Amino acid sequence: MAGVDIAAPKAAKKGVGLHRPKRRIGIRIDMTPMVDIAFLLLIFFMVTTVFRKPQAMEVNLPPAGVTVDVPESNVMVVYVRGDEKLFYRMAKGPVTGTSMKDIGQVFTENHKLNPELIILVTVNRDARYETMVRVMDELELAEMTRFSLIPMKEEDIKDVEALP
């Protein structure tokens, strides 16, 4: 708590003026309660603060050396070219060009036609990382949970680069 210490008056010197010397009052303030309150508030705000959850997508990696046979009719291949253009192919069908804003609709429509659909996203190494993430976001918005990310092979690069 706070306390007031009163200094003892000094004896006046004889022959020096008629006024009395001023009394100095020493004030001592106990800072312990304020420090306690500061730490209580700090702990309160640390415990009650809700931090933003990291936005991460869970990725399940298969064990090494395991192969899964999938009917080709259940596979859609999405190609991301180095210049950020998107193409897709259903099973053995033709390669069709699309845009980033339309790819979500393509995923949704094909998933309705075939609920067992598996998406293979092949990305050219020259493509920006942001494009791959946007495609993955569109997959999540279309509620597609079965997809794989693979690097684009040399023969795919040649085939896709030839497209307009």
N, C-alpha and C. Protein backbone atom coordinates (compact mmCIF):
# COMPACT_ATOMS: atom_id res chain seq x y z
N MET A 1 0.83 -1.18 0.00
CA MET A 1 0.00 0.00 0.00
C MET A 1 0.87 1.24 0.00
N ALA A 2 0.24 2.35 -0.12
CA ALA A 2 1.00 3.60 -0.15
C ALA A 2 1.27 4.06 1.28
N GLY A 3 2.35 4.69 1.44
CA GLY A 3 2.68 5.22 2.77
C GLY A 3 3.30 6.59 2.62
N VAL A 4 3.23 7.36 3.66
CA VAL A 4 3.82 8.70 3.67
C VAL A 4 4.84 8.73 4.78
N ASP A 5 6.05 9.03 4.42
CA ASP A 5 7.11 9.17 5.41
C ASP A 5 7.35 10.66 5.62
N ILE A 6 7.22 11.08 6.85
CA ILE A 6 7.45 12.50 7.17
C ILE A 6 8.87 12.62 7.71
N ALA A 7 9.63 13.47 7.06
CA ALA A 7 11.01 13.67 7.49
C ALA A 7 11.02 14.52 8.76
N ALA A 8 11.95 14.20 9.60
CA ALA A 8 12.07 14.98 10.85
C ALA A 8 12.59 16.37 10.52
N PRO A 9 12.04 17.42 11.20
CA PRO A 9 12.49 18.78 10.90
C PRO A 9 13.94 18.96 11.34
N LYS A 10 14.67 19.69 10.52
CA LYS A 10 16.06 19.98 10.85
C LYS A 10 16.08 21.21 11.75
N ALA A 11 17.04 21.23 12.56
CA ALA A 11 17.17 22.39 13.47
C ALA A 11 17.59 23.61 12.67
N ALA A 12 16.94 24.71 12.92
CA ALA A 12 17.25 25.95 12.21
C ALA A 12 18.57 26.50 12.73
N LYS A 13 19.33 27.02 11.82
CA LYS A 13 20.59 27.63 12.21
C LYS A 13 20.32 29.04 12.73
N LYS A 14 21.01 29.35 13.74
CA LYS A 14 20.82 30.68 14.33
C LYS A 14 21.44 31.74 13.45
N GLY A 15 20.75 32.80 13.34
CA GLY A 15 21.26 33.93 12.62
C GLY A 15 21.05 33.87 11.13
N VAL A 16 20.37 32.86 10.66
CA VAL A 16 20.16 32.74 9.23
C VAL A 16 18.68 32.92 8.97
N GLY A 17 18.24 34.04 8.54
CA GLY A 17 16.87 34.31 8.13
C GLY A 17 15.83 34.01 9.20
N LEU A 18 14.64 34.46 8.95
CA LEU A 18 13.57 34.25 9.88
C LEU A 18 12.59 33.18 9.41
N HIS A 19 12.74 32.72 8.25
CA HIS A 19 11.77 31.73 7.77
C HIS A 19 12.20 30.32 8.16
N ARG A 20 11.21 29.52 8.26
CA ARG A 20 11.46 28.13 8.60
C ARG A 20 11.80 27.32 7.35
N PRO A 21 12.64 26.34 7.47
CA PRO A 21 12.91 25.50 6.30
C PRO A 21 11.68 24.66 5.95
N LYS A 22 11.50 24.41 4.67
CA LYS A 22 10.34 23.63 4.23
C LYS A 22 10.52 22.18 4.63
N ARG A 23 9.42 21.61 5.02
CA ARG A 23 9.46 20.20 5.35
C ARG A 23 9.33 19.39 4.06
N ARG A 24 10.15 18.43 3.91
CA ARG A 24 10.06 17.53 2.77
C ARG A 24 9.31 16.29 3.21
N ILE A 25 8.30 15.95 2.43
CA ILE A 25 7.52 14.76 2.74
C ILE A 25 7.92 13.69 1.73
N GLY A 26 8.41 12.57 2.20
CA GLY A 26 8.77 11.47 1.31
C GLY A 26 7.57 10.56 1.10
N ILE A 27 7.21 10.33 -0.15
CA ILE A 27 6.06 9.48 -0.45
C ILE A 27 6.58 8.17 -1.05
N ARG A 28 6.11 7.08 -0.51
CA ARG A 28 6.50 5.77 -1.00
C ARG A 28 5.23 5.06 -1.46
N ILE A 29 5.20 4.65 -2.74
CA ILE A 29 4.03 3.97 -3.28
C ILE A 29 4.40 2.51 -3.52
N ASP A 30 3.59 1.62 -2.95
CA ASP A 30 3.82 0.18 -3.13
C ASP A 30 3.21 -0.23 -4.48
N MET A 31 4.05 -0.74 -5.38
CA MET A 31 3.61 -1.08 -6.73
C MET A 31 3.13 -2.53 -6.86
N THR A 32 3.19 -3.30 -5.81
CA THR A 32 2.82 -4.72 -5.88
C THR A 32 1.40 -4.95 -6.37
N PRO A 33 0.38 -4.26 -5.86
CA PRO A 33 -0.98 -4.51 -6.37
C PRO A 33 -1.14 -4.18 -7.86
N MET A 34 -0.46 -3.12 -8.31
CA MET A 34 -0.58 -2.77 -9.72
C MET A 34 0.08 -3.84 -10.60
N VAL A 35 1.20 -4.37 -10.18
CA VAL A 35 1.87 -5.43 -10.92
C VAL A 35 1.00 -6.68 -10.93
N ASP A 36 0.36 -6.99 -9.81
CA ASP A 36 -0.54 -8.14 -9.76
C ASP A 36 -1.68 -7.99 -10.75
N ILE A 37 -2.28 -6.82 -10.80
CA ILE A 37 -3.39 -6.59 -11.72
C ILE A 37 -2.91 -6.65 -13.16
N ALA A 38 -1.73 -6.11 -13.45
CA ALA A 38 -1.20 -6.15 -14.81
C ALA A 38 -1.00 -7.60 -15.26
N PHE A 39 -0.44 -8.44 -14.39
CA PHE A 39 -0.24 -9.84 -14.76
C PHE A 39 -1.56 -10.59 -14.88
N LEU A 40 -2.53 -10.28 -14.02
CA LEU A 40 -3.84 -10.92 -14.14
C LEU A 40 -4.50 -10.56 -15.47
N LEU A 41 -4.43 -9.28 -15.84
CA LEU A 41 -5.00 -8.88 -17.13
C LEU A 41 -4.26 -9.53 -18.29
N LEU A 42 -2.95 -9.60 -18.20
CA LEU A 42 -2.17 -10.24 -19.26
C LEU A 42 -2.56 -11.70 -19.41
N ILE A 43 -2.66 -12.41 -18.32
CA ILE A 43 -3.06 -13.82 -18.37
C ILE A 43 -4.49 -13.96 -18.89
N PHE A 44 -5.38 -13.08 -18.45
CA PHE A 44 -6.77 -13.13 -18.91
C PHE A 44 -6.84 -12.98 -20.42
N PHE A 45 -6.14 -11.99 -20.99
CA PHE A 45 -6.19 -11.78 -22.43
C PHE A 45 -5.49 -12.90 -23.20
N MET A 46 -4.44 -13.46 -22.63
CA MET A 46 -3.78 -14.58 -23.32
C MET A 46 -4.68 -15.81 -23.37
N VAL A 47 -5.44 -16.05 -22.30
CA VAL A 47 -6.29 -17.24 -22.25
C VAL A 47 -7.54 -17.07 -23.09
N THR A 48 -8.10 -15.89 -23.13
CA THR A 48 -9.39 -15.69 -23.82
C THR A 48 -9.25 -15.30 -25.28
N THR A 49 -8.05 -14.99 -25.74
CA THR A 49 -7.86 -14.59 -27.14
C THR A 49 -8.02 -15.80 -28.05
N VAL A 50 -8.77 -15.62 -29.11
CA VAL A 50 -8.94 -16.68 -30.10
C VAL A 50 -8.02 -16.35 -31.26
N PHE A 51 -7.05 -17.20 -31.48
CA PHE A 51 -6.12 -16.99 -32.58
C PHE A 51 -6.71 -17.56 -33.85
N ARG A 52 -6.36 -16.95 -34.96
CA ARG A 52 -6.85 -17.42 -36.25
C ARG A 52 -6.26 -18.80 -36.54
N LYS A 53 -7.12 -19.71 -36.89
CA LYS A 53 -6.66 -21.05 -37.19
C LYS A 53 -5.93 -21.03 -38.53
N PRO A 54 -4.84 -21.77 -38.63
CA PRO A 54 -4.14 -21.79 -39.91
C PRO A 54 -4.99 -22.44 -40.99
N GLN A 55 -4.94 -21.86 -42.16
CA GLN A 55 -5.72 -22.40 -43.26
C GLN A 55 -4.85 -23.40 -44.01
N ALA A 56 -5.05 -24.62 -43.65
CA ALA A 56 -4.24 -25.67 -44.27
C ALA A 56 -5.15 -26.79 -44.72
N MET A 57 -4.76 -27.42 -45.77
CA MET A 57 -5.51 -28.54 -46.29
C MET A 57 -4.76 -29.81 -45.89
N GLU A 58 -5.49 -30.76 -45.37
CA GLU A 58 -4.87 -32.01 -44.96
C GLU A 58 -4.51 -32.83 -46.20
N VAL A 59 -3.28 -33.30 -46.23
CA VAL A 59 -2.82 -34.10 -47.36
C VAL A 59 -2.45 -35.48 -46.84
N ASN A 60 -3.09 -36.48 -47.38
CA ASN A 60 -2.78 -37.86 -47.02
C ASN A 60 -1.88 -38.46 -48.08
N LEU A 61 -0.70 -38.84 -47.66
CA LEU A 61 0.25 -39.44 -48.59
C LEU A 61 0.14 -40.96 -48.52
N PRO A 62 0.12 -41.62 -49.67
CA PRO A 62 0.05 -43.09 -49.65
C PRO A 62 1.40 -43.67 -49.24
N PRO A 63 1.38 -44.90 -48.75
CA PRO A 63 2.65 -45.54 -48.43
C PRO A 63 3.48 -45.74 -49.70
N ALA A 64 4.79 -45.76 -49.53
CA ALA A 64 5.68 -45.90 -50.69
C ALA A 64 5.51 -47.28 -51.33
N GLY A 65 5.51 -47.30 -52.64
CA GLY A 65 5.45 -48.56 -53.38
C GLY A 65 4.07 -49.16 -53.55
N VAL A 66 3.03 -48.49 -53.10
CA VAL A 66 1.67 -49.01 -53.22
C VAL A 66 1.04 -48.46 -54.49
N THR A 67 0.48 -49.34 -55.30
CA THR A 67 -0.23 -48.92 -56.50
C THR A 67 -1.69 -49.30 -56.36
N VAL A 68 -2.54 -48.46 -56.88
CA VAL A 68 -3.98 -48.69 -56.83
C VAL A 68 -4.50 -48.68 -58.26
N ASP A 69 -5.22 -49.71 -58.63
CA ASP A 69 -5.80 -49.78 -59.96
C ASP A 69 -7.14 -49.06 -59.95
N VAL A 70 -7.28 -48.11 -60.86
CA VAL A 70 -8.49 -47.30 -60.95
C VAL A 70 -8.98 -47.38 -62.39
N PRO A 71 -10.29 -47.60 -62.59
CA PRO A 71 -10.80 -47.59 -63.97
C PRO A 71 -10.57 -46.22 -64.61
N GLU A 72 -10.17 -46.23 -65.84
CA GLU A 72 -9.84 -44.97 -66.51
C GLU A 72 -11.07 -44.07 -66.69
N SER A 73 -12.26 -44.66 -66.66
CA SER A 73 -13.47 -43.84 -66.80
C SER A 73 -13.71 -42.99 -65.55
N ASN A 74 -13.03 -43.30 -64.45
CA ASN A 74 -13.19 -42.54 -63.21
C ASN A 74 -12.10 -41.48 -63.02
N VAL A 75 -11.31 -41.22 -64.05
CA VAL A 75 -10.17 -40.32 -63.91
C VAL A 75 -10.35 -39.09 -64.79
N MET A 76 -10.14 -37.93 -64.16
CA MET A 76 -10.09 -36.67 -64.90
C MET A 76 -8.68 -36.10 -64.68
N VAL A 77 -8.04 -35.73 -65.76
CA VAL A 77 -6.69 -35.16 -65.67
C VAL A 77 -6.80 -33.67 -65.95
N VAL A 78 -6.26 -32.87 -65.02
CA VAL A 78 -6.23 -31.42 -65.18
C VAL A 78 -4.78 -31.02 -65.41
N TYR A 79 -4.54 -30.31 -66.52
CA TYR A 79 -3.20 -29.86 -66.86
C TYR A 79 -3.07 -28.37 -66.56
N VAL A 80 -2.03 -28.00 -65.82
CA VAL A 80 -1.73 -26.59 -65.57
C VAL A 80 -0.44 -26.29 -66.32
N ARG A 81 -0.58 -25.51 -67.37
CA ARG A 81 0.56 -25.19 -68.23
C ARG A 81 1.43 -24.13 -67.55
N GLY A 82 2.64 -23.95 -68.06
CA GLY A 82 3.57 -22.97 -67.51
C GLY A 82 3.06 -21.54 -67.59
N ASP A 83 2.22 -21.23 -68.58
CA ASP A 83 1.67 -19.88 -68.73
C ASP A 83 0.33 -19.73 -68.01
N GLU A 84 0.05 -20.63 -67.07
CA GLU A 84 -1.13 -20.58 -66.19
C GLU A 84 -2.44 -20.96 -66.89
N LYS A 85 -2.40 -21.46 -68.10
CA LYS A 85 -3.62 -21.90 -68.78
C LYS A 85 -3.97 -23.30 -68.31
N LEU A 86 -5.28 -23.56 -68.21
CA LEU A 86 -5.77 -24.84 -67.70
C LEU A 86 -6.44 -25.65 -68.81
N PHE A 87 -6.23 -26.95 -68.75
CA PHE A 87 -6.86 -27.89 -69.67
C PHE A 87 -7.28 -29.11 -68.85
N TYR A 88 -8.29 -29.81 -69.34
CA TYR A 88 -8.70 -31.04 -68.66
C TYR A 88 -9.10 -32.08 -69.69
N ARG A 89 -9.05 -33.33 -69.23
CA ARG A 89 -9.42 -34.45 -70.10
C ARG A 89 -10.12 -35.49 -69.24
N MET A 90 -11.29 -35.93 -69.68
CA MET A 90 -12.02 -37.01 -69.03
C MET A 90 -11.67 -38.32 -69.70
N ALA A 91 -11.18 -39.27 -68.93
CA ALA A 91 -10.82 -40.62 -69.41
C ALA A 91 -9.96 -40.50 -70.67
N LYS A 92 -10.41 -41.07 -71.78
CA LYS A 92 -9.65 -41.02 -73.04
C LYS A 92 -10.19 -39.93 -73.97
N GLY A 93 -11.03 -39.05 -73.43
CA GLY A 93 -11.64 -38.01 -74.26
C GLY A 93 -10.64 -36.96 -74.71
N PRO A 94 -11.12 -35.97 -75.46
CA PRO A 94 -10.22 -34.93 -75.96
C PRO A 94 -9.82 -33.96 -74.83
N VAL A 95 -8.71 -33.31 -75.02
CA VAL A 95 -8.24 -32.29 -74.07
C VAL A 95 -9.00 -31.00 -74.36
N THR A 96 -9.59 -30.43 -73.32
CA THR A 96 -10.42 -29.25 -73.45
C THR A 96 -9.83 -28.13 -72.61
N GLY A 97 -9.77 -26.93 -73.15
CA GLY A 97 -9.27 -25.77 -72.43
C GLY A 97 -10.35 -25.17 -71.54
N THR A 98 -9.94 -24.58 -70.44
CA THR A 98 -10.87 -23.92 -69.53
C THR A 98 -10.12 -22.79 -68.83
N SER A 99 -10.83 -22.02 -68.06
CA SER A 99 -10.21 -20.92 -67.31
C SER A 99 -10.32 -21.21 -65.81
N MET A 100 -9.62 -20.42 -65.03
CA MET A 100 -9.63 -20.63 -63.59
C MET A 100 -11.03 -20.40 -63.01
N LYS A 101 -11.78 -19.45 -63.55
CA LYS A 101 -13.11 -19.18 -63.01
C LYS A 101 -14.11 -20.28 -63.38
N ASP A 102 -13.85 -21.03 -64.45
CA ASP A 102 -14.78 -22.07 -64.88
C ASP A 102 -14.40 -23.47 -64.38
N ILE A 103 -13.22 -23.63 -63.84
CA ILE A 103 -12.76 -24.98 -63.47
C ILE A 103 -13.60 -25.55 -62.32
N GLY A 104 -14.08 -24.71 -61.43
CA GLY A 104 -14.93 -25.19 -60.33
C GLY A 104 -16.23 -25.79 -60.85
N GLN A 105 -16.80 -25.16 -61.86
CA GLN A 105 -18.03 -25.67 -62.47
C GLN A 105 -17.76 -26.99 -63.18
N VAL A 106 -16.61 -27.11 -63.83
CA VAL A 106 -16.23 -28.36 -64.50
C VAL A 106 -16.13 -29.48 -63.47
N PHE A 107 -15.49 -29.20 -62.33
CA PHE A 107 -15.37 -30.20 -61.27
C PHE A 107 -16.75 -30.62 -60.76
N THR A 108 -17.61 -29.65 -60.50
CA THR A 108 -18.93 -29.94 -59.94
C THR A 108 -19.77 -30.77 -60.90
N GLU A 109 -19.80 -30.38 -62.17
CA GLU A 109 -20.63 -31.10 -63.16
C GLU A 109 -20.15 -32.54 -63.34
N ASN A 110 -18.84 -32.73 -63.45
CA ASN A 110 -18.32 -34.08 -63.66
C ASN A 110 -18.45 -34.93 -62.40
N HIS A 111 -18.40 -34.31 -61.25
CA HIS A 111 -18.58 -35.07 -60.00
C HIS A 111 -20.04 -35.54 -59.87
N LYS A 112 -20.98 -34.73 -60.34
CA LYS A 112 -22.38 -35.15 -60.32
C LYS A 112 -22.62 -36.33 -61.26
N LEU A 113 -21.94 -36.31 -62.41
CA LEU A 113 -22.07 -37.41 -63.36
C LEU A 113 -21.41 -38.68 -62.86
N ASN A 114 -20.30 -38.54 -62.15
CA ASN A 114 -19.55 -39.70 -61.68
C ASN A 114 -19.06 -39.44 -60.25
N PRO A 115 -19.77 -39.93 -59.23
CA PRO A 115 -19.36 -39.68 -57.84
C PRO A 115 -18.03 -40.33 -57.47
N GLU A 116 -17.57 -41.29 -58.26
CA GLU A 116 -16.30 -41.98 -57.99
C GLU A 116 -15.13 -41.30 -58.69
N LEU A 117 -15.33 -40.09 -59.16
CA LEU A 117 -14.33 -39.38 -59.95
C LEU A 117 -13.07 -39.08 -59.13
N ILE A 118 -11.92 -39.32 -59.76
CA ILE A 118 -10.62 -39.01 -59.17
C ILE A 118 -9.96 -37.99 -60.08
N ILE A 119 -9.42 -36.93 -59.49
CA ILE A 119 -8.79 -35.86 -60.25
C ILE A 119 -7.27 -36.00 -60.15
N LEU A 120 -6.61 -35.95 -61.28
CA LEU A 120 -5.15 -35.89 -61.32
C LEU A 120 -4.77 -34.49 -61.79
N VAL A 121 -4.15 -33.73 -60.94
CA VAL A 121 -3.72 -32.38 -61.30
C VAL A 121 -2.25 -32.45 -61.65
N THR A 122 -1.94 -32.26 -62.92
CA THR A 122 -0.55 -32.27 -63.37
C THR A 122 -0.13 -30.83 -63.60
N VAL A 123 0.93 -30.45 -62.91
CA VAL A 123 1.37 -29.06 -62.92
C VAL A 123 2.74 -28.96 -63.56
N ASN A 124 2.87 -28.06 -64.50
CA ASN A 124 4.17 -27.78 -65.10
C ASN A 124 5.05 -27.09 -64.07
N ARG A 125 6.30 -27.41 -64.03
CA ARG A 125 7.22 -26.82 -63.05
C ARG A 125 7.40 -25.32 -63.26
N ASP A 126 7.07 -24.81 -64.43
CA ASP A 126 7.18 -23.38 -64.70
C ASP A 126 5.96 -22.60 -64.20
N ALA A 127 4.90 -23.29 -63.84
CA ALA A 127 3.67 -22.63 -63.37
C ALA A 127 3.91 -22.09 -61.96
N ARG A 128 3.18 -21.03 -61.63
CA ARG A 128 3.31 -20.44 -60.30
C ARG A 128 2.62 -21.32 -59.27
N TYR A 129 3.14 -21.27 -58.08
CA TYR A 129 2.58 -22.03 -56.96
C TYR A 129 1.14 -21.60 -56.68
N GLU A 130 0.88 -20.32 -56.83
CA GLU A 130 -0.46 -19.77 -56.56
C GLU A 130 -1.53 -20.45 -57.42
N THR A 131 -1.19 -20.77 -58.65
CA THR A 131 -2.16 -21.40 -59.55
C THR A 131 -2.52 -22.79 -59.04
N MET A 132 -1.54 -23.53 -58.60
CA MET A 132 -1.81 -24.86 -58.05
C MET A 132 -2.69 -24.77 -56.81
N VAL A 133 -2.42 -23.80 -55.96
CA VAL A 133 -3.23 -23.62 -54.75
C VAL A 133 -4.66 -23.24 -55.11
N ARG A 134 -4.83 -22.38 -56.11
CA ARG A 134 -6.18 -21.99 -56.53
C ARG A 134 -6.96 -23.18 -57.08
N VAL A 135 -6.28 -24.06 -57.83
CA VAL A 135 -6.95 -25.27 -58.34
C VAL A 135 -7.35 -26.15 -57.16
N MET A 136 -6.48 -26.28 -56.17
CA MET A 136 -6.81 -27.09 -54.99
C MET A 136 -7.98 -26.47 -54.22
N ASP A 137 -8.03 -25.14 -54.14
CA ASP A 137 -9.16 -24.47 -53.50
C ASP A 137 -10.46 -24.75 -54.24
N GLU A 138 -10.41 -24.72 -55.57
CA GLU A 138 -11.61 -25.03 -56.36
C GLU A 138 -12.05 -26.48 -56.15
N LEU A 139 -11.08 -27.38 -56.01
CA LEU A 139 -11.42 -28.77 -55.71
C LEU A 139 -12.13 -28.88 -54.37
N GLU A 140 -11.64 -28.14 -53.40
CA GLU A 140 -12.27 -28.17 -52.07
C GLU A 140 -13.66 -27.57 -52.11
N LEU A 141 -13.84 -26.48 -52.85
CA LEU A 141 -15.16 -25.86 -52.96
C LEU A 141 -16.15 -26.77 -53.66
N ALA A 142 -15.66 -27.58 -54.59
CA ALA A 142 -16.52 -28.53 -55.31
C ALA A 142 -16.70 -29.82 -54.51
N GLU A 143 -16.14 -29.85 -53.30
CA GLU A 143 -16.24 -31.00 -52.39
C GLU A 143 -15.63 -32.26 -53.01
N MET A 144 -14.55 -32.06 -53.74
CA MET A 144 -13.79 -33.17 -54.32
C MET A 144 -12.70 -33.54 -53.32
N THR A 145 -12.75 -34.75 -52.81
CA THR A 145 -11.76 -35.16 -51.81
C THR A 145 -10.75 -36.13 -52.37
N ARG A 146 -11.00 -36.64 -53.54
CA ARG A 146 -10.09 -37.63 -54.13
C ARG A 146 -9.35 -36.99 -55.30
N PHE A 147 -8.16 -36.51 -55.03
CA PHE A 147 -7.34 -35.94 -56.10
C PHE A 147 -5.87 -36.15 -55.76
N SER A 148 -5.07 -36.07 -56.79
CA SER A 148 -3.62 -36.24 -56.64
C SER A 148 -2.92 -35.12 -57.39
N LEU A 149 -1.79 -34.70 -56.86
CA LEU A 149 -0.94 -33.71 -57.50
C LEU A 149 0.30 -34.43 -58.03
N ILE A 150 0.58 -34.24 -59.32
CA ILE A 150 1.76 -34.88 -59.89
C ILE A 150 2.46 -33.88 -60.81
N PRO A 151 3.77 -33.99 -60.91
CA PRO A 151 4.47 -33.10 -61.85
C PRO A 151 4.17 -33.53 -63.28
N MET A 152 4.18 -32.57 -64.17
CA MET A 152 3.87 -32.85 -65.57
C MET A 152 5.06 -33.56 -66.22
N LYS A 153 4.75 -34.63 -66.95
CA LYS A 153 5.79 -35.40 -67.64
C LYS A 153 6.16 -34.71 -68.95
N GLU A 154 7.31 -35.09 -69.49
CA GLU A 154 7.80 -34.46 -70.72
C GLU A 154 6.82 -34.63 -71.89
N GLU A 155 6.24 -35.83 -72.04
CA GLU A 155 5.30 -36.03 -73.15
C GLU A 155 4.03 -35.22 -72.96
N ASP A 156 3.60 -35.03 -71.69
CA ASP A 156 2.42 -34.19 -71.44
C ASP A 156 2.73 -32.73 -71.74
N ILE A 157 3.93 -32.31 -71.40
CA ILE A 157 4.33 -30.92 -71.67
C ILE A 157 4.26 -30.65 -73.18
N LYS A 158 4.79 -31.56 -73.98
CA LYS A 158 4.76 -31.39 -75.43
C LYS A 158 3.34 -31.36 -75.96
N ASP A 159 2.49 -32.27 -75.46
CA ASP A 159 1.10 -32.31 -75.92
C ASP A 159 0.33 -31.06 -75.53
N VAL A 160 0.49 -30.61 -74.33
CA VAL A 160 -0.28 -29.47 -73.83
C VAL A 160 0.24 -28.16 -74.40
N GLU A 161 1.54 -28.05 -74.61
CA GLU A 161 2.10 -26.82 -75.19
C GLU A 161 1.64 -26.63 -76.63
N ALA A 162 1.29 -27.71 -77.30
CA ALA A 162 0.82 -27.61 -78.69
C ALA A 162 -0.60 -27.08 -78.78
N LEU A 163 -1.33 -27.10 -77.65
CA LEU A 163 -2.71 -26.63 -77.64
C LEU A 163 -2.74 -25.11 -77.62
N PRO A 164 -3.81 -24.52 -78.19
CA PRO A 164 -3.89 -23.06 -78.22
C PRO A 164 -4.17 -22.46 -76.86
